[in-house]
């Protein structure tokens, strides 16, 4: 357990909790480092089948804690310099790192989900919102643009005109509108239990098939037809014939016996 991010794993489901509830889980450089450490720790674990992102206190994540970030002058300077790097920086890893994990990640969103918080939620595979949740690309109000992976991720969810309207205005979107737009997967009165339920449901199958399916969709979604078909063939070669695929076959064909348990995941990126 760390200071700003808590990680718990129970029965194969990881629960990742932003733990600055008194600050609406405002993001500082220490939280970004700890999220990166949690992502790396989860990537190494073969026993984790799903993960849920949530936040303590009144909000999921109200965005960047500018006072906290600027208080670390060296870290802030390095962060600005990372904008000139020709590869993904740690701020972008904040959201995109969840896409690299070989199991489903579900965000349980309540209260404010602004700026860095929205980009974190977009990094999850699914988003369950409380009815009172509020979402915004808040960066425009600070004279900035979203640069923590949010633009790369929102392409999968919104037409460009709607994304432009949200990014350029910084307008706050209520949960019902977020669902209609496609920013939310579901709205639930109590999003955390529902997110945990969804995570367990999605992670219950063969871990090899789940991993391959997640990565296939991410790779092929906007690829040209021939490339998408090639990706299908490549990703099918990974689980087919392996122990977990044989177990899945037995589970479907032998319904009278006790279904065998799946083994550890063997398919990664």
Protein backbone atom coordinates (compact mmCIF):
# COMPACT_ATOMS: atom_id res chain seq x y z
CA UNK A 1 0.00 0.00 0.00
CA UNK A 2 1.37 3.40 -0.99
CA UNK A 3 0.53 6.94 -0.03
CA UNK A 4 -1.57 8.09 -2.97
CA UNK A 5 -2.66 4.86 -4.65
CA UNK A 6 -3.86 1.71 -2.91
CA UNK A 7 -3.72 -1.70 -4.58
CA UNK A 8 -5.67 -4.70 -3.29
CA UNK A 9 -6.08 -8.05 -5.03
CA UNK A 10 -8.84 -10.44 -3.99
CA UNK A 11 -9.89 -13.61 -5.81
CA UNK A 12 -8.15 -12.50 -8.98
CA UNK A 13 -9.65 -9.00 -9.09
CA UNK A 14 -7.42 -6.00 -8.45
CA UNK A 15 -8.88 -2.85 -6.93
CA UNK A 16 -6.83 0.28 -7.61
CA UNK A 17 -7.93 3.22 -5.46
CA UNK A 18 -6.84 6.84 -5.75
CA UNK A 19 -6.30 7.79 -2.10
CA UNK A 20 -6.26 11.59 -1.89
CA UNK A 21 -9.92 11.83 -1.09
CA UNK A 22 -9.53 15.03 0.89
CA UNK A 23 -8.19 16.68 -2.30
CA UNK A 24 -10.79 15.09 -4.61
CA UNK A 25 -7.92 12.83 -5.74
CA UNK A 26 -6.13 15.71 -7.39
CA UNK A 27 -3.21 14.41 -9.44
CA UNK A 28 0.32 15.37 -8.47
CA UNK A 29 3.62 13.96 -9.68
CA UNK A 30 3.79 11.44 -6.83
CA UNK A 31 0.40 10.00 -7.84
CA UNK A 32 1.52 9.72 -11.46
CA UNK A 33 4.64 7.81 -10.33
CA UNK A 34 2.59 5.52 -8.11
CA UNK A 35 0.05 4.75 -10.83
CA UNK A 36 2.95 3.78 -13.09
CA UNK A 37 4.32 1.49 -10.38
CA UNK A 38 0.89 -0.15 -9.93
CA UNK A 39 0.58 -0.71 -13.69
CA UNK A 40 3.99 -2.39 -13.78
CA UNK A 41 3.16 -4.53 -10.75
CA UNK A 42 -0.13 -5.71 -12.27
CA UNK A 43 1.53 -6.48 -15.61
CA UNK A 44 3.82 -8.95 -13.82
CA UNK A 45 1.04 -10.82 -12.04
CA UNK A 46 -0.34 -13.92 -13.72
CA UNK A 47 -3.09 -14.40 -11.12
CA UNK A 48 -4.96 -11.16 -11.80
CA UNK A 49 -7.98 -11.60 -14.08
CA UNK A 50 -9.49 -8.09 -13.95
CA UNK A 51 -9.04 -4.67 -12.34
CA UNK A 52 -11.26 -1.84 -11.13
CA UNK A 53 -10.19 1.81 -10.86
CA UNK A 54 -11.93 3.94 -8.24
CA UNK A 55 -11.36 6.92 -5.98
CA UNK A 56 -11.77 7.67 -2.30
CA UNK A 57 -13.79 10.61 -1.04
CA UNK A 58 -16.32 12.75 -2.93
CA UNK A 59 -14.77 12.44 -6.43
CA UNK A 60 -13.18 9.91 -8.72
CA UNK A 61 -10.50 12.44 -9.74
CA UNK A 62 -10.96 16.18 -10.13
CA UNK A 63 -7.91 16.60 -12.36
CA UNK A 64 -4.39 17.90 -12.01
CA UNK A 65 -3.37 19.42 -8.68
CA UNK A 66 -1.57 22.42 -10.18
CA UNK A 67 -0.29 23.70 -6.84
CA UNK A 68 1.12 20.30 -6.00
CA UNK A 69 2.74 19.85 -9.40
CA UNK A 70 4.24 23.35 -9.51
CA UNK A 71 5.50 22.89 -5.96
CA UNK A 72 7.92 20.27 -7.30
CA UNK A 73 9.91 22.58 -9.55
CA UNK A 74 12.34 19.98 -10.81
CA UNK A 75 9.58 17.46 -11.53
CA UNK A 76 7.44 20.09 -13.24
CA UNK A 77 10.37 21.18 -15.41
CA UNK A 78 11.08 17.59 -16.42
CA UNK A 79 7.40 17.16 -17.21
CA UNK A 80 7.46 20.12 -19.57
CA UNK A 81 10.64 18.85 -21.21
CA UNK A 82 8.99 15.47 -21.78
CA UNK A 83 6.68 17.18 -24.30
CA UNK A 84 9.65 17.17 -26.68
CA UNK A 85 10.34 13.43 -26.33
CA UNK A 86 9.66 11.34 -29.45
CA UNK A 87 7.98 8.61 -27.40
CA UNK A 88 5.19 8.19 -24.85
CA UNK A 89 5.88 10.05 -21.63
CA UNK A 90 4.82 9.13 -18.09
CA UNK A 91 1.88 11.53 -18.21
CA UNK A 92 0.46 9.65 -21.19
CA UNK A 93 1.25 6.33 -19.53
CA UNK A 94 -1.14 7.45 -16.76
CA UNK A 95 -4.07 6.46 -19.00
CA UNK A 96 -2.56 4.34 -21.76
CA UNK A 97 -0.84 1.97 -19.35
CA UNK A 98 -4.18 0.30 -18.57
CA UNK A 99 -4.60 -0.60 -22.24
CA UNK A 100 -1.40 -2.66 -22.10
CA UNK A 101 -2.66 -4.89 -19.27
CA UNK A 102 -3.86 -8.30 -20.53
CA UNK A 103 -7.16 -8.27 -18.65
CA UNK A 104 -10.27 -6.07 -18.46
CA UNK A 105 -10.05 -2.78 -16.56
CA UNK A 106 -13.28 -1.09 -15.40
CA UNK A 107 -13.48 2.43 -13.99
CA UNK A 108 -16.04 3.21 -11.27
CA UNK A 109 -16.62 6.96 -11.57
CA UNK A 110 -18.38 9.19 -9.06
CA UNK A 111 -18.38 12.89 -8.36
CA UNK A 112 -15.98 14.98 -10.44
CA UNK A 113 -14.04 13.34 -13.24
CA UNK A 114 -12.16 16.23 -14.82
CA UNK A 115 -9.04 16.63 -16.94
CA UNK A 116 -6.50 14.02 -15.88
CA UNK A 117 -9.32 12.12 -14.16
CA UNK A 118 -11.33 11.81 -17.37
CA UNK A 119 -8.24 10.71 -19.26
CA UNK A 120 -7.59 8.05 -16.61
CA UNK A 121 -11.17 6.79 -16.95
CA UNK A 122 -10.83 6.69 -20.74
CA UNK A 123 -7.85 4.36 -20.30
CA UNK A 124 -10.15 1.75 -18.77
CA UNK A 125 -11.95 -0.71 -21.04
CA UNK A 126 -15.35 0.16 -19.53
CA UNK A 127 -16.68 3.06 -17.43
CA UNK A 128 -19.51 2.82 -14.91
CA UNK A 129 -20.76 6.24 -13.78
CA UNK A 130 -22.78 7.29 -10.76
CA UNK A 131 -25.88 9.32 -11.71
CA UNK A 132 -24.31 12.43 -10.15
CA UNK A 133 -20.93 12.00 -11.88
CA UNK A 134 -19.66 14.93 -13.95
CA UNK A 135 -17.08 14.66 -16.73
CA UNK A 136 -15.02 17.32 -18.47
CA UNK A 137 -11.94 17.87 -20.57
CA UNK A 138 -11.16 20.75 -18.24
CA UNK A 139 -7.80 21.67 -19.76
CA UNK A 140 -9.25 24.39 -22.02
CA UNK A 141 -10.21 26.40 -18.93
CA UNK A 142 -6.53 26.45 -17.96
CA UNK A 143 -5.35 27.41 -21.44
CA UNK A 144 -4.14 23.87 -22.20
CA UNK A 145 -5.08 20.78 -24.19
CA UNK A 146 -5.54 17.19 -22.94
CA UNK A 147 -2.10 15.58 -23.14
CA UNK A 148 -2.34 12.53 -20.86
CA UNK A 149 -3.52 10.10 -23.53
CA UNK A 150 -7.10 11.34 -23.63
CA UNK A 151 -7.16 12.44 -27.25
CA UNK A 152 -5.73 9.13 -28.47
CA UNK A 153 -8.38 7.28 -26.44
CA UNK A 154 -11.48 9.37 -27.09
CA UNK A 155 -11.14 8.69 -30.82
CA UNK A 156 -12.64 5.26 -30.20
CA UNK A 157 -15.73 6.69 -28.50
CA UNK A 158 -16.80 9.98 -30.11
CA UNK A 159 -17.16 11.49 -33.56
CA UNK A 160 -14.61 14.23 -34.08
CA UNK A 161 -17.15 17.07 -33.99
CA UNK A 162 -18.42 16.06 -30.55
CA UNK A 163 -14.90 15.55 -29.26
CA UNK A 164 -13.92 19.00 -30.55
CA UNK A 165 -16.90 20.59 -28.83
CA UNK A 166 -15.93 19.05 -25.48
CA UNK A 167 -12.19 19.67 -25.76
CA UNK A 168 -12.42 23.27 -26.97
CA UNK A 169 -15.11 24.34 -24.51
CA UNK A 170 -14.15 22.43 -21.36
CA UNK A 171 -17.89 21.93 -20.86
CA UNK A 172 -19.03 19.71 -17.98
CA UNK A 173 -21.09 16.69 -19.04
CA UNK A 174 -23.55 15.02 -16.65
CA UNK A 175 -23.71 11.22 -16.41
CA UNK A 176 -26.83 10.83 -18.54
CA UNK A 177 -25.35 12.84 -21.39
CA UNK A 178 -22.04 11.01 -21.06
CA UNK A 179 -23.93 7.74 -21.56
CA UNK A 180 -25.74 9.09 -24.63
CA UNK A 181 -22.50 10.40 -26.13
CA UNK A 182 -20.64 7.13 -25.55
CA UNK A 183 -18.20 8.30 -22.87
CA UNK A 184 -19.86 5.96 -20.35
CA UNK A 185 -20.62 2.25 -20.63
CA UNK A 186 -23.29 2.26 -17.92
CA UNK A 187 -24.82 4.46 -15.24
CA UNK A 188 -25.40 2.75 -11.89
CA UNK A 189 -26.64 4.05 -8.54
CA UNK A 190 -23.60 2.52 -6.85
CA UNK A 191 -20.88 2.27 -9.50
CA UNK A 192 -18.19 0.45 -7.51
CA UNK A 193 -20.11 -2.80 -6.85
CA UNK A 194 -21.34 -2.76 -10.44
CA UNK A 195 -17.80 -2.20 -11.75
CA UNK A 196 -16.51 -5.08 -9.62
CA UNK A 197 -19.33 -7.28 -10.94
CA UNK A 198 -18.51 -6.40 -14.54
CA UNK A 199 -14.80 -6.94 -13.99
CA UNK A 200 -15.36 -10.41 -12.54
CA UNK A 201 -17.79 -11.28 -15.34
CA UNK A 202 -15.38 -10.21 -18.08
CA UNK A 203 -12.43 -11.89 -16.41
CA UNK A 204 -14.18 -15.22 -15.79
CA UNK A 205 -13.31 -16.82 -19.13
CA UNK A 206 -10.05 -18.18 -20.41
CA UNK A 207 -7.42 -15.58 -19.46
CA UNK A 208 -5.62 -16.23 -22.73
CA UNK A 209 -8.76 -15.55 -24.79
CA UNK A 210 -9.58 -12.45 -22.74
CA UNK A 211 -6.10 -11.01 -23.24
CA UNK A 212 -6.01 -11.81 -26.95
CA UNK A 213 -9.51 -10.41 -27.47
CA UNK A 214 -8.72 -7.15 -25.70
CA UNK A 215 -5.54 -6.55 -27.65
CA UNK A 216 -7.12 -7.61 -30.95
CA UNK A 217 -9.92 -5.06 -30.62
CA UNK A 218 -7.52 -2.29 -29.67
CA UNK A 219 -5.24 -3.03 -32.60
CA UNK A 220 -7.84 -3.74 -35.27
CA UNK A 221 -10.59 -1.22 -34.44
CA UNK A 222 -9.41 1.49 -36.84
CA UNK A 223 -7.02 -0.55 -38.95
CA UNK A 224 -7.59 -1.13 -42.69
CA UNK A 225 -9.52 -4.33 -43.51
CA UNK A 226 -6.53 -6.38 -44.63
CA UNK A 227 -4.54 -5.37 -41.55
CA UNK A 228 -7.48 -6.14 -39.23
CA UNK A 229 -7.86 -9.60 -40.76
CA UNK A 230 -4.13 -10.23 -40.35
CA UNK A 231 -4.42 -9.20 -36.71
CA UNK A 232 -7.29 -11.69 -36.25
CA UNK A 233 -5.11 -14.49 -37.56
CA UNK A 234 -2.15 -13.48 -35.42
CA UNK A 235 -4.15 -13.15 -32.23
CA UNK A 236 -5.93 -16.48 -32.81
CA UNK A 237 -2.58 -18.25 -33.06
CA UNK A 238 -1.80 -17.21 -29.47
CA UNK A 239 -4.53 -19.04 -27.49
CA UNK A 240 -5.47 -21.83 -29.89
CA UNK A 241 -4.46 -25.29 -28.71
CA UNK A 242 -3.06 -24.08 -25.40
CA UNK A 243 -4.13 -25.51 -22.07
CA UNK A 244 -6.68 -22.80 -21.29
CA UNK A 245 -8.34 -23.17 -24.68
CA UNK A 246 -8.64 -26.91 -24.14
CA UNK A 247 -10.17 -26.23 -20.72
CA UNK A 248 -12.70 -23.85 -22.31
CA UNK A 249 -13.64 -26.58 -24.79
CA UNK A 250 -14.17 -29.09 -21.99
CA UNK A 251 -16.31 -26.60 -20.07
CA UNK A 252 -18.64 -26.22 -23.05
CA UNK A 253 -18.75 -29.86 -24.15
CA UNK A 254 -18.85 -31.64 -20.77
CA UNK A 255 -21.62 -29.83 -18.90
CA UNK A 256 -22.36 -32.68 -16.48
CA UNK A 257 -18.95 -32.80 -14.83
CA UNK A 258 -17.22 -30.32 -12.57
CA UNK A 259 -15.73 -27.63 -14.82
CA UNK A 260 -11.94 -27.52 -14.57
CA UNK A 261 -10.34 -24.29 -13.41
CA UNK A 262 -8.37 -22.20 -15.88
CA UNK A 263 -4.63 -22.08 -15.44
CA UNK A 264 -2.42 -19.03 -15.36
CA UNK A 265 -2.45 -16.67 -18.32
CA UNK A 266 0.02 -17.48 -21.04
CA UNK A 267 -0.92 -14.84 -23.63
CA UNK A 268 0.53 -11.35 -23.27
CA UNK A 269 1.10 -8.54 -25.72
